[in-house]
Amino acid sequence: MIVFLAVIGVLGVSASGPIMAATAAPALAIAFWRNALGAVVMGVPAALRNPRGFTRLTRTETKWILIASVALALHFACFITSLKLTSVAAATALVCLQAGWIALFNLLRGIPVAPRVLVGLAAALIGVVVITGFDLTLSREAALGDLLAVAGGALAGLYTIAGSKARATMSTGTYTSLCYGLCSLLLLLLCAIFRQPLVSFSPEAWIGILAVTVVAQILGHSVFNHLLAVISPLVVSMIILLEIPGAAILAAVFLGEQLPAGTYGGLVLILCGLAVVVTGQGRRAARTEILPPAPPALGGDMDKD
């Protein structure tokens, strides 16, 4: 089940960058709508099943939800803006470096990272370079987009860590709806500050917003938020690296685009690096608390509050 959900999540986030880049709407507006709609889709069923799940939050849960929401809002603001300034390949590759940021954050928090894990992480990041070469350009606009994508990756790492803390005691529906809802409120404020319109888009733009909500927000982010209860943030971020070859393969299948020359070689490196990280964390988990606390039985978790 975990592998199946991971595949669904990778397919979902793989389509995110191309859809958002092709959507003719302001970056902050796209981010607002995908989170607002995602909060409704995830929140209504959760509230109907157990409304008390939203009113009995502990102080710790509230703290991590707030951190995750702020990090997610700023992540979207940086990433979607970067897609308008630099290439989709460069923005996606740089933002997917969140695995490296999580390893760094762990070190700063005093959590040791095993050499074996660092080797796997390095192999996976080399795989990213093999596929995309980061596609960096020298134009000032593209350089700004690249910097925003790097910042987006760091914020995604923080969002993933905070989410893993919240998901240790919260259900998927409760956490994701609260996180997306608070995130959308922050993005609404940013839209007002920067005077970005929220409506009056073309029908094609609305189709793009709905598509990115269903595919990337519900089938991508929400699935990975669910997995954070049973997989460490670092491993989840490593799985997200598969978004890069996934996006290339989806573009080749559905859009007829030619695959980058290093796609398959890079994919092998990412998979090998992921395997090394998973086995490395598995061995260390017997001695330290790298993995988040185990939740109740996985079966039915997405249906409970």
C-alpha atoms as a PDB file:
ATOM      1  CA  MET A   1       0.000   0.000   0.000  1.00  0.00           C
ATOM      2  CA  ILE A   2       2.831   2.416   0.846  1.00  0.00           C
ATOM      3  CA  VAL A   3       4.512   1.816  -2.515  1.00  0.00           C
ATOM      4  CA  PHE A   4       1.202   2.276  -4.361  1.00  0.00           C
ATOM      5  CA  LEU A   5       0.509   5.567  -2.583  1.00  0.00           C
ATOM      6  CA  ALA A   6       4.067   6.747  -3.252  1.00  0.00           C
ATOM      7  CA  VAL A   7       3.587   6.080  -6.983  1.00  0.00           C
ATOM      8  CA  ILE A   8       0.300   8.036  -6.966  1.00  0.00           C
ATOM      9  CA  GLY A   9       1.983  10.892  -5.125  1.00  0.00           C
ATOM     10  CA  VAL A  10       4.908  11.019  -7.555  1.00  0.00           C
ATOM     11  CA  LEU A  11       2.577  11.049 -10.563  1.00  0.00           C
ATOM     12  CA  GLY A  12       0.590  13.859  -8.947  1.00  0.00           C
ATOM     13  CA  VAL A  13       3.511  16.165  -8.197  1.00  0.00           C
ATOM     14  CA  SER A  14       5.165  15.328 -11.531  1.00  0.00           C
ATOM     15  CA  ALA A  15       2.340  17.079 -13.350  1.00  0.00           C
ATOM     16  CA  SER A  16       2.416  20.114 -11.070  1.00  0.00           C
ATOM     17  CA  GLY A  17       5.163  22.215 -12.673  1.00  0.00           C
ATOM     18  CA  PRO A  18       4.048  21.891 -16.307  1.00  0.00           C
ATOM     19  CA  ILE A  19       0.391  22.570 -15.458  1.00  0.00           C
ATOM     20  CA  MET A  20       1.156  25.668 -13.383  1.00  0.00           C
ATOM     21  CA  ALA A  21       3.637  27.016 -15.920  1.00  0.00           C
ATOM     22  CA  ALA A  22       1.007  26.710 -18.640  1.00  0.00           C
ATOM     23  CA  THR A  23      -1.787  28.285 -16.557  1.00  0.00           C
ATOM     24  CA  ALA A  24      -2.358  31.918 -17.520  1.00  0.00           C
ATOM     25  CA  ALA A  25      -3.028  33.253 -14.024  1.00  0.00           C
ATOM     26  CA  PRO A  26      -0.901  35.077 -11.410  1.00  0.00           C
ATOM     27  CA  ALA A  27       1.365  32.805  -9.367  1.00  0.00           C
ATOM     28  CA  LEU A  28      -0.116  33.714  -5.986  1.00  0.00           C
ATOM     29  CA  ALA A  29      -3.672  33.298  -7.318  1.00  0.00           C
ATOM     30  CA  ILE A  30      -2.875  29.779  -8.547  1.00  0.00           C
ATOM     31  CA  ALA A  31      -1.385  28.925  -5.157  1.00  0.00           C
ATOM     32  CA  PHE A  32      -4.397  30.396  -3.321  1.00  0.00           C
ATOM     33  CA  TRP A  33      -7.017  28.504  -5.298  1.00  0.00           C
ATOM     34  CA  ARG A  34      -5.268  25.127  -5.216  1.00  0.00           C
ATOM     35  CA  ASN A  35      -4.950  25.339  -1.421  1.00  0.00           C
ATOM     36  CA  ALA A  36      -8.429  26.775  -0.808  1.00  0.00           C
ATOM     37  CA  LEU A  37     -10.065  24.138  -2.994  1.00  0.00           C
ATOM     38  CA  GLY A  38      -7.846  21.436  -1.520  1.00  0.00           C
ATOM     39  CA  ALA A  39      -8.881  22.450   2.000  1.00  0.00           C
ATOM     40  CA  VAL A  40     -12.557  22.087   1.072  1.00  0.00           C
ATOM     41  CA  VAL A  41     -12.087  18.736  -0.660  1.00  0.00           C
ATOM     42  CA  MET A  42     -10.116  17.299   2.271  1.00  0.00           C
ATOM     43  CA  GLY A  43     -11.956  19.129   5.060  1.00  0.00           C
ATOM     44  CA  VAL A  44     -15.616  18.457   4.307  1.00  0.00           C
ATOM     45  CA  PRO A  45     -15.384  14.634   4.557  1.00  0.00           C
ATOM     46  CA  ALA A  46     -13.182  14.906   7.663  1.00  0.00           C
ATOM     47  CA  ALA A  47     -15.607  17.315   9.350  1.00  0.00           C
ATOM     48  CA  LEU A  48     -18.599  15.103   8.535  1.00  0.00           C
ATOM     49  CA  ARG A  49     -16.874  12.034   9.983  1.00  0.00           C
ATOM     50  CA  ASN A  50     -15.726  13.668  13.196  1.00  0.00           C
ATOM     51  CA  PRO A  51     -16.079  17.434  13.666  1.00  0.00           C
ATOM     52  CA  ARG A  52     -14.484  17.217  17.111  1.00  0.00           C
ATOM     53  CA  GLY A  53     -11.190  16.425  15.436  1.00  0.00           C
ATOM     54  CA  PHE A  54     -10.932  20.130  14.525  1.00  0.00           C
ATOM     55  CA  THR A  55     -11.731  21.459  18.006  1.00  0.00           C
ATOM     56  CA  ARG A  56      -9.507  19.287  20.170  1.00  0.00           C
ATOM     57  CA  LEU A  57      -6.108  20.286  18.885  1.00  0.00           C
ATOM     58  CA  THR A  58      -3.244  20.248  21.340  1.00  0.00           C
ATOM     59  CA  ARG A  59      -0.827  23.146  21.655  1.00  0.00           C
ATOM     60  CA  THR A  60       1.881  21.073  19.977  1.00  0.00           C
ATOM     61  CA  GLU A  61      -0.350  20.160  17.042  1.00  0.00           C
ATOM     62  CA  THR A  62      -1.358  23.800  16.603  1.00  0.00           C
ATOM     63  CA  LYS A  63       2.281  24.902  16.602  1.00  0.00           C
ATOM     64  CA  TRP A  64       3.315  22.451  13.881  1.00  0.00           C
ATOM     65  CA  ILE A  65       0.243  23.226  11.759  1.00  0.00           C
ATOM     66  CA  LEU A  66       1.078  26.933  11.882  1.00  0.00           C
ATOM     67  CA  ILE A  67       4.714  26.307  10.939  1.00  0.00           C
ATOM     68  CA  ALA A  68       3.706  23.975   8.101  1.00  0.00           C
ATOM     69  CA  SER A  69       1.101  26.423   6.789  1.00  0.00           C
ATOM     70  CA  VAL A  70       3.474  29.396   6.698  1.00  0.00           C
ATOM     71  CA  ALA A  71       6.220  27.299   5.085  1.00  0.00           C
ATOM     72  CA  LEU A  72       3.795  25.917   2.478  1.00  0.00           C
ATOM     73  CA  ALA A  73       2.419  29.365   1.591  1.00  0.00           C
ATOM     74  CA  LEU A  74       5.899  30.809   1.107  1.00  0.00           C
ATOM     75  CA  HIS A  75       6.980  27.668  -0.772  1.00  0.00           C
ATOM     76  CA  PHE A  76       4.182  28.092  -3.295  1.00  0.00           C
ATOM     77  CA  ALA A  77       4.827  31.824  -3.614  1.00  0.00           C
ATOM     78  CA  CYS A  78       8.493  31.140  -4.416  1.00  0.00           C
ATOM     79  CA  PHE A  79       8.061  28.036  -6.587  1.00  0.00           C
ATOM     80  CA  ILE A  80       5.165  29.156  -8.767  1.00  0.00           C
ATOM     81  CA  THR A  81       6.804  32.548  -9.304  1.00  0.00           C
ATOM     82  CA  SER A  82      10.035  30.789 -10.286  1.00  0.00           C
ATOM     83  CA  LEU A  83       8.118  28.818 -12.937  1.00  0.00           C
ATOM     84  CA  LYS A  84       7.215  32.135 -14.578  1.00  0.00           C
ATOM     85  CA  LEU A  85      10.846  33.330 -14.585  1.00  0.00           C
ATOM     86  CA  THR A  86      12.976  30.288 -15.371  1.00  0.00           C
ATOM     87  CA  SER A  87      12.502  26.959 -17.122  1.00  0.00           C
ATOM     88  CA  VAL A  88      10.227  24.291 -15.676  1.00  0.00           C
ATOM     89  CA  ALA A  89      13.195  21.873 -15.643  1.00  0.00           C
ATOM     90  CA  ALA A  90      15.396  24.230 -13.619  1.00  0.00           C
ATOM     91  CA  ALA A  91      12.649  25.244 -11.190  1.00  0.00           C
ATOM     92  CA  THR A  92      11.541  21.650 -10.603  1.00  0.00           C
ATOM     93  CA  ALA A  93      15.077  20.359 -10.118  1.00  0.00           C
ATOM     94  CA  LEU A  94      16.054  23.103  -7.681  1.00  0.00           C
ATOM     95  CA  VAL A  95      12.870  22.947  -5.619  1.00  0.00           C
ATOM     96  CA  CYS A  96      13.201  19.160  -5.364  1.00  0.00           C
ATOM     97  CA  LEU A  97      16.472  19.612  -3.470  1.00  0.00           C
ATOM     98  CA  GLN A  98      14.372  19.670  -0.322  1.00  0.00           C
ATOM     99  CA  ALA A  99      15.927  16.311   0.603  1.00  0.00           C
ATOM    100  CA  GLY A 100      19.274  18.052   1.026  1.00  0.00           C
ATOM    101  CA  TRP A 101      17.674  20.813   3.073  1.00  0.00           C
ATOM    102  CA  ILE A 102      16.015  18.285   5.371  1.00  0.00           C
ATOM    103  CA  ALA A 103      19.361  16.571   5.975  1.00  0.00           C
ATOM    104  CA  LEU A 104      20.867  19.982   6.798  1.00  0.00           C
ATOM    105  CA  PHE A 105      17.969  20.898   9.086  1.00  0.00           C
ATOM    106  CA  ASN A 106      18.398  17.574  10.888  1.00  0.00           C
ATOM    107  CA  LEU A 107      22.066  18.337  11.483  1.00  0.00           C
ATOM    108  CA  LEU A 108      21.205  21.819  12.784  1.00  0.00           C
ATOM    109  CA  ARG A 109      18.645  20.229  15.132  1.00  0.00           C
ATOM    110  CA  GLY A 110      21.315  17.906  16.478  1.00  0.00           C
ATOM    111  CA  ILE A 111      19.937  14.824  14.714  1.00  0.00           C
ATOM    112  CA  PRO A 112      22.882  12.834  13.341  1.00  0.00           C
ATOM    113  CA  VAL A 113      22.745  11.810   9.705  1.00  0.00           C
ATOM    114  CA  ALA A 114      24.446   8.496   8.988  1.00  0.00           C
ATOM    115  CA  PRO A 115      27.231   8.533   6.359  1.00  0.00           C
ATOM    116  CA  ARG A 116      25.299   5.868   4.451  1.00  0.00           C
ATOM    117  CA  VAL A 117      22.320   8.231   4.219  1.00  0.00           C
ATOM    118  CA  LEU A 118      24.525  11.070   2.985  1.00  0.00           C
ATOM    119  CA  VAL A 119      25.965   8.801   0.286  1.00  0.00           C
ATOM    120  CA  GLY A 120      22.466   7.885  -0.896  1.00  0.00           C
ATOM    121  CA  LEU A 121      21.421  11.524  -0.870  1.00  0.00           C
ATOM    122  CA  ALA A 122      24.479  12.500  -2.925  1.00  0.00           C
ATOM    123  CA  ALA A 123      23.776   9.751  -5.477  1.00  0.00           C
ATOM    124  CA  ALA A 124      20.187  10.914  -5.862  1.00  0.00           C
ATOM    125  CA  LEU A 125      21.188  14.554  -6.305  1.00  0.00           C
ATOM    126  CA  ILE A 126      23.729  13.539  -8.944  1.00  0.00           C
ATOM    127  CA  GLY A 127      20.853  11.786 -10.687  1.00  0.00           C
ATOM    128  CA  VAL A 128      18.957  15.094 -10.681  1.00  0.00           C
ATOM    129  CA  VAL A 129      21.909  16.822 -12.337  1.00  0.00           C
ATOM    130  CA  VAL A 130      22.258  14.024 -14.914  1.00  0.00           C
ATOM    131  CA  ILE A 131      18.626  14.442 -15.955  1.00  0.00           C
ATOM    132  CA  THR A 132      18.351  18.221 -16.025  1.00  0.00           C
ATOM    133  CA  GLY A 133      21.801  19.739 -15.629  1.00  0.00           C
ATOM    134  CA  PHE A 134      19.624  22.256 -13.719  1.00  0.00           C
ATOM    135  CA  ASP A 135      19.250  24.018 -17.070  1.00  0.00           C
ATOM    136  CA  LEU A 136      20.669  27.201 -15.537  1.00  0.00           C
ATOM    137  CA  THR A 137      20.911  30.303 -17.711  1.00  0.00           C
ATOM    138  CA  LEU A 138      22.761  33.575 -17.306  1.00  0.00           C
ATOM    139  CA  SER A 139      19.825  35.957 -17.722  1.00  0.00           C
ATOM    140  CA  ARG A 140      18.936  38.082 -14.705  1.00  0.00           C
ATOM    141  CA  GLU A 141      15.295  36.962 -14.797  1.00  0.00           C
ATOM    142  CA  ALA A 142      16.198  33.270 -14.921  1.00  0.00           C
ATOM    143  CA  ALA A 143      18.756  33.711 -12.128  1.00  0.00           C
ATOM    144  CA  LEU A 144      16.057  35.243  -9.919  1.00  0.00           C
ATOM    145  CA  GLY A 145      13.762  32.334 -10.782  1.00  0.00           C
ATOM    146  CA  ASP A 146      16.491  29.858  -9.846  1.00  0.00           C
ATOM    147  CA  LEU A 147      17.048  31.579  -6.475  1.00  0.00           C
ATOM    148  CA  LEU A 148      13.315  31.521  -5.772  1.00  0.00           C
ATOM    149  CA  ALA A 149      13.240  27.788  -6.595  1.00  0.00           C
ATOM    150  CA  VAL A 150      16.110  27.156  -4.153  1.00  0.00           C
ATOM    151  CA  ALA A 151      14.203  29.066  -1.461  1.00  0.00           C
ATOM    152  CA  GLY A 152      11.098  27.078  -2.358  1.00  0.00           C
ATOM    153  CA  GLY A 153      13.021  23.849  -1.802  1.00  0.00           C
ATOM    154  CA  ALA A 154      14.187  24.946   1.651  1.00  0.00           C
ATOM    155  CA  LEU A 155      10.636  25.943   2.593  1.00  0.00           C
ATOM    156  CA  ALA A 156       9.334  22.604   1.284  1.00  0.00           C
ATOM    157  CA  GLY A 157      11.813  20.849   3.553  1.00  0.00           C
ATOM    158  CA  LEU A 158      10.561  22.820   6.556  1.00  0.00           C
ATOM    159  CA  TYR A 159       6.950  22.093   5.565  1.00  0.00           C
ATOM    160  CA  THR A 160       7.691  18.369   5.329  1.00  0.00           C
ATOM    161  CA  ILE A 161       9.395  18.246   8.737  1.00  0.00           C
ATOM    162  CA  ALA A 162       6.574  20.191  10.411  1.00  0.00           C
ATOM    163  CA  GLY A 163       4.011  17.976   8.692  1.00  0.00           C
ATOM    164  CA  SER A 164       5.670  14.837  10.022  1.00  0.00           C
ATOM    165  CA  LYS A 165       5.427  16.222  13.557  1.00  0.00           C
ATOM    166  CA  ALA A 166       1.749  17.079  13.179  1.00  0.00           C
ATOM    167  CA  ARG A 167       0.887  13.790  11.471  1.00  0.00           C
ATOM    168  CA  ALA A 168       2.304  11.830  14.392  1.00  0.00           C
ATOM    169  CA  THR A 169      -0.984  12.434  16.237  1.00  0.00           C
ATOM    170  CA  MET A 170      -3.373  13.817  13.591  1.00  0.00           C
ATOM    171  CA  SER A 171      -5.288  12.163  10.771  1.00  0.00           C
ATOM    172  CA  THR A 172      -4.627  13.007   7.140  1.00  0.00           C
ATOM    173  CA  GLY A 173      -7.966  14.769   6.647  1.00  0.00           C
ATOM    174  CA  THR A 174      -7.701  16.973   9.720  1.00  0.00           C
ATOM    175  CA  TYR A 175      -4.083  17.964   9.166  1.00  0.00           C
ATOM    176  CA  THR A 176      -4.259  18.611   5.423  1.00  0.00           C
ATOM    177  CA  SER A 177      -7.507  20.602   5.546  1.00  0.00           C
ATOM    178  CA  LEU A 178      -6.257  22.829   8.372  1.00  0.00           C
ATOM    179  CA  CYS A 179      -2.846  23.259   6.762  1.00  0.00           C
ATOM    180  CA  TYR A 180      -4.241  24.031   3.299  1.00  0.00           C
ATOM    181  CA  GLY A 181      -6.889  26.325   4.788  1.00  0.00           C
ATOM    182  CA  LEU A 182      -4.422  28.414   6.800  1.00  0.00           C
ATOM    183  CA  CYS A 183      -2.040  28.413   3.851  1.00  0.00           C
ATOM    184  CA  SER A 184      -4.767  29.769   1.565  1.00  0.00           C
ATOM    185  CA  LEU A 185      -5.529  32.585   4.037  1.00  0.00           C
ATOM    186  CA  LEU A 186      -1.859  33.606   4.030  1.00  0.00           C
ATOM    187  CA  LEU A 187      -1.809  33.491   0.236  1.00  0.00           C
ATOM    188  CA  LEU A 188      -4.999  35.564   0.115  1.00  0.00           C
ATOM    189  CA  LEU A 189      -3.215  38.203   2.181  1.00  0.00           C
ATOM    190  CA  LEU A 190      -0.217  38.101  -0.163  1.00  0.00           C
ATOM    191  CA  CYS A 191      -2.531  38.484  -3.164  1.00  0.00           C
ATOM    192  CA  ALA A 192      -3.996  41.602  -1.549  1.00  0.00           C
ATOM    193  CA  ILE A 193      -0.562  43.027  -0.714  1.00  0.00           C
ATOM    194  CA  PHE A 194       0.788  42.488  -4.233  1.00  0.00           C
ATOM    195  CA  ARG A 195      -2.577  43.325  -5.851  1.00  0.00           C
ATOM    196  CA  GLN A 196      -2.877  40.072  -7.750  1.00  0.00           C
ATOM    197  CA  PRO A 197      -6.400  39.318  -9.049  1.00  0.00           C
ATOM    198  CA  LEU A 198      -8.209  36.202  -7.874  1.00  0.00           C
ATOM    199  CA  VAL A 199     -10.886  36.031 -10.568  1.00  0.00           C
ATOM    200  CA  SER A 200     -11.565  37.176 -14.127  1.00  0.00           C
ATOM    201  CA  PHE A 201      -9.393  34.454 -15.614  1.00  0.00           C
ATOM    202  CA  SER A 202      -9.950  32.708 -18.917  1.00  0.00           C
ATOM    203  CA  PRO A 203     -11.774  29.348 -18.948  1.00  0.00           C
ATOM    204  CA  GLU A 204      -8.469  27.694 -19.852  1.00  0.00           C
ATOM    205  CA  ALA A 205      -6.833  29.193 -16.752  1.00  0.00           C
ATOM    206  CA  TRP A 206      -9.619  27.882 -14.514  1.00  0.00           C
ATOM    207  CA  ILE A 207      -9.203  24.431 -16.050  1.00  0.00           C
ATOM    208  CA  GLY A 208      -5.500  24.623 -15.208  1.00  0.00           C
ATOM    209  CA  ILE A 209      -6.245  25.669 -11.625  1.00  0.00           C
ATOM    210  CA  LEU A 210      -8.729  22.813 -11.177  1.00  0.00           C
ATOM    211  CA  ALA A 211      -6.311  20.349 -12.753  1.00  0.00           C
ATOM    212  CA  VAL A 212      -3.408  21.308 -10.508  1.00  0.00           C
ATOM    213  CA  THR A 213      -5.712  21.140  -7.484  1.00  0.00           C
ATOM    214  CA  VAL A 214      -6.906  17.611  -8.214  1.00  0.00           C
ATOM    215  CA  VAL A 215      -3.673  16.187  -9.559  1.00  0.00           C
ATOM    216  CA  ALA A 216      -0.968  17.941  -7.543  1.00  0.00           C
ATOM    217  CA  GLN A 217      -2.715  19.082  -4.366  1.00  0.00           C
ATOM    218  CA  ILE A 218      -5.024  16.111  -3.685  1.00  0.00           C
ATOM    219  CA  LEU A 219      -3.176  13.230  -5.361  1.00  0.00           C
ATOM    220  CA  GLY A 220       0.286  14.683  -4.704  1.00  0.00           C
ATOM    221  CA  HIS A 221       0.651  16.726  -1.524  1.00  0.00           C
ATOM    222  CA  SER A 222      -2.162  15.022   0.382  1.00  0.00           C
ATOM    223  CA  VAL A 223      -0.829  11.537  -0.351  1.00  0.00           C
ATOM    224  CA  PHE A 224       2.648  12.507   0.820  1.00  0.00           C
ATOM    225  CA  ASN A 225       1.153  14.104   3.943  1.00  0.00           C
ATOM    226  CA  HIS A 226      -0.532  10.777   4.616  1.00  0.00           C
ATOM    227  CA  LEU A 227       2.769   8.916   4.201  1.00  0.00           C
ATOM    228  CA  LEU A 228       4.527  11.231   6.682  1.00  0.00           C
ATOM    229  CA  ALA A 229       2.900   9.247   9.483  1.00  0.00           C
ATOM    230  CA  VAL A 230       4.852   6.112   8.561  1.00  0.00           C
ATOM    231  CA  ILE A 231       7.890   7.356   6.607  1.00  0.00           C
ATOM    232  CA  SER A 232      10.511   9.858   7.740  1.00  0.00           C
ATOM    233  CA  PRO A 233      10.544  13.357   6.175  1.00  0.00           C
ATOM    234  CA  LEU A 234      13.909  12.664   4.539  1.00  0.00           C
ATOM    235  CA  VAL A 235      12.661   9.518   2.811  1.00  0.00           C
ATOM    236  CA  VAL A 236       9.492  11.298   1.662  1.00  0.00           C
ATOM    237  CA  SER A 237      11.592  14.100   0.193  1.00  0.00           C
ATOM    238  CA  MET A 238      13.801  11.532  -1.535  1.00  0.00           C
ATOM    239  CA  ILE A 239      10.714   9.952  -3.108  1.00  0.00           C
ATOM    240  CA  ILE A 240       9.670  13.396  -4.339  1.00  0.00           C
ATOM    241  CA  LEU A 241      12.941  13.537  -6.328  1.00  0.00           C
ATOM    242  CA  LEU A 242      11.253  11.059  -8.656  1.00  0.00           C
ATOM    243  CA  GLU A 243       9.093  13.999  -9.734  1.00  0.00           C
ATOM    244  CA  ILE A 244      11.916  15.091 -12.054  1.00  0.00           C
ATOM    245  CA  PRO A 245      12.130  11.980 -14.279  1.00  0.00           C
ATOM    246  CA  GLY A 246       8.391  11.498 -13.753  1.00  0.00           C
ATOM    247  CA  ALA A 247       7.629  14.884 -15.291  1.00  0.00           C
ATOM    248  CA  ALA A 248       9.945  14.146 -18.219  1.00  0.00           C
ATOM    249  CA  ILE A 249       8.340  10.750 -18.886  1.00  0.00           C
ATOM    250  CA  LEU A 250       4.781  12.136 -18.609  1.00  0.00           C
ATOM    251  CA  ALA A 251       5.659  14.908 -21.052  1.00  0.00           C
ATOM    252  CA  ALA A 252       7.063  12.328 -23.472  1.00  0.00           C
ATOM    253  CA  VAL A 253       3.991  10.082 -23.244  1.00  0.00           C
ATOM    254  CA  PHE A 254       1.220  12.700 -23.296  1.00  0.00           C
ATOM    255  CA  LEU A 255       2.825  15.683 -25.017  1.00  0.00           C
ATOM    256  CA  GLY A 256       5.188  13.908 -27.403  1.00  0.00           C
ATOM    257  CA  GLU A 257       8.229  15.715 -25.998  1.00  0.00           C
ATOM    258  CA  GLN A 258      11.634  14.102 -26.375  1.00  0.00           C
ATOM    259  CA  LEU A 259      13.069  12.708 -23.163  1.00  0.00           C
ATOM    260  CA  PRO A 260      16.272  14.359 -21.907  1.00  0.00           C
ATOM    261  CA  ALA A 261      19.273  12.178 -22.754  1.00  0.00           C
ATOM    262  CA  GLY A 262      20.065  11.414 -19.129  1.00  0.00           C
ATOM    263  CA  THR A 263      16.543  10.565 -17.980  1.00  0.00           C
ATOM    264  CA  TYR A 264      16.965   6.842 -17.498  1.00  0.00           C
ATOM    265  CA  GLY A 265      20.493   7.035 -16.098  1.00  0.00           C
ATOM    266  CA  GLY A 266      19.415   9.755 -13.680  1.00  0.00           C
ATOM    267  CA  LEU A 267      16.356   7.738 -12.703  1.00  0.00           C
ATOM    268  CA  VAL A 268      18.568   4.764 -11.829  1.00  0.00           C
ATOM    269  CA  LEU A 269      20.796   6.995  -9.674  1.00  0.00           C
ATOM    270  CA  ILE A 270      17.797   8.477  -7.854  1.00  0.00           C
ATOM    271  CA  LEU A 271      16.328   5.020  -7.204  1.00  0.00           C
ATOM    272  CA  CYS A 272      19.680   3.691  -5.969  1.00  0.00           C
ATOM    273  CA  GLY A 273      20.127   6.719  -3.732  1.00  0.00           C
ATOM    274  CA  LEU A 274      16.595   6.288  -2.383  1.00  0.00           C
ATOM    275  CA  ALA A 275      17.249   2.609  -1.639  1.00  0.00           C
ATOM    276  CA  VAL A 276      20.455   3.480   0.216  1.00  0.00           C
ATOM    277  CA  VAL A 277      18.705   6.155   2.294  1.00  0.00           C
ATOM    278  CA  VAL A 278      15.792   3.866   3.169  1.00  0.00           C
ATOM    279  CA  THR A 279      18.046   1.003   4.261  1.00  0.00           C
ATOM    280  CA  GLY A 280      20.393   3.398   6.051  1.00  0.00           C
ATOM    281  CA  GLN A 281      17.597   4.975   8.061  1.00  0.00           C
ATOM    282  CA  GLY A 282      16.096   1.559   8.710  1.00  0.00           C
ATOM    283  CA  ARG A 283      19.319   0.381  10.369  1.00  0.00           C
ATOM    284  CA  ARG A 284      19.748   3.545  12.391  1.00  0.00           C
ATOM    285  CA  ALA A 285      16.117   3.528  13.534  1.00  0.00           C
ATOM    286  CA  ALA A 286      16.948   0.576  15.748  1.00  0.00           C
ATOM    287  CA  ARG A 287      19.279   2.864  17.739  1.00  0.00           C
ATOM    288  CA  THR A 288      17.852   6.396  17.387  1.00  0.00           C
ATOM    289  CA  GLU A 289      14.496   8.023  16.778  1.00  0.00           C
ATOM    290  CA  ILE A 290      15.053   9.181  13.198  1.00  0.00           C
ATOM    291  CA  LEU A 291      11.676   7.942  12.038  1.00  0.00           C
ATOM    292  CA  PRO A 292       8.538   9.695  13.390  1.00  0.00           C
ATOM    293  CA  PRO A 293       6.493   7.873  16.053  1.00  0.00           C
ATOM    294  CA  ALA A 294       4.398   5.084  14.624  1.00  0.00           C
ATOM    295  CA  PRO A 295       0.704   6.020  14.297  1.00  0.00           C
ATOM    296  CA  PRO A 296      -2.209   3.667  14.787  1.00  0.00           C
ATOM    297  CA  ALA A 297      -2.598   0.935  12.180  1.00  0.00           C
ATOM    298  CA  LEU A 298      -2.172   2.352   8.662  1.00  0.00           C
ATOM    299  CA  GLY A 299      -5.325   0.758   7.380  1.00  0.00           C
ATOM    300  CA  GLY A 300      -8.192   3.221   7.496  1.00  0.00           C
ATOM    301  CA  ASP A 301      -6.008   6.175   8.586  1.00  0.00           C
ATOM    302  CA  MET A 302      -7.236   8.353   5.743  1.00  0.00           C
ATOM    303  CA  ASP A 303     -10.785   7.760   6.937  1.00  0.00           C
ATOM    304  CA  LYS A 304     -10.454   8.547  10.606  1.00  0.00           C
ATOM    305  CA  ASP A 305     -10.123  11.678  12.691  1.00  0.00           C
END
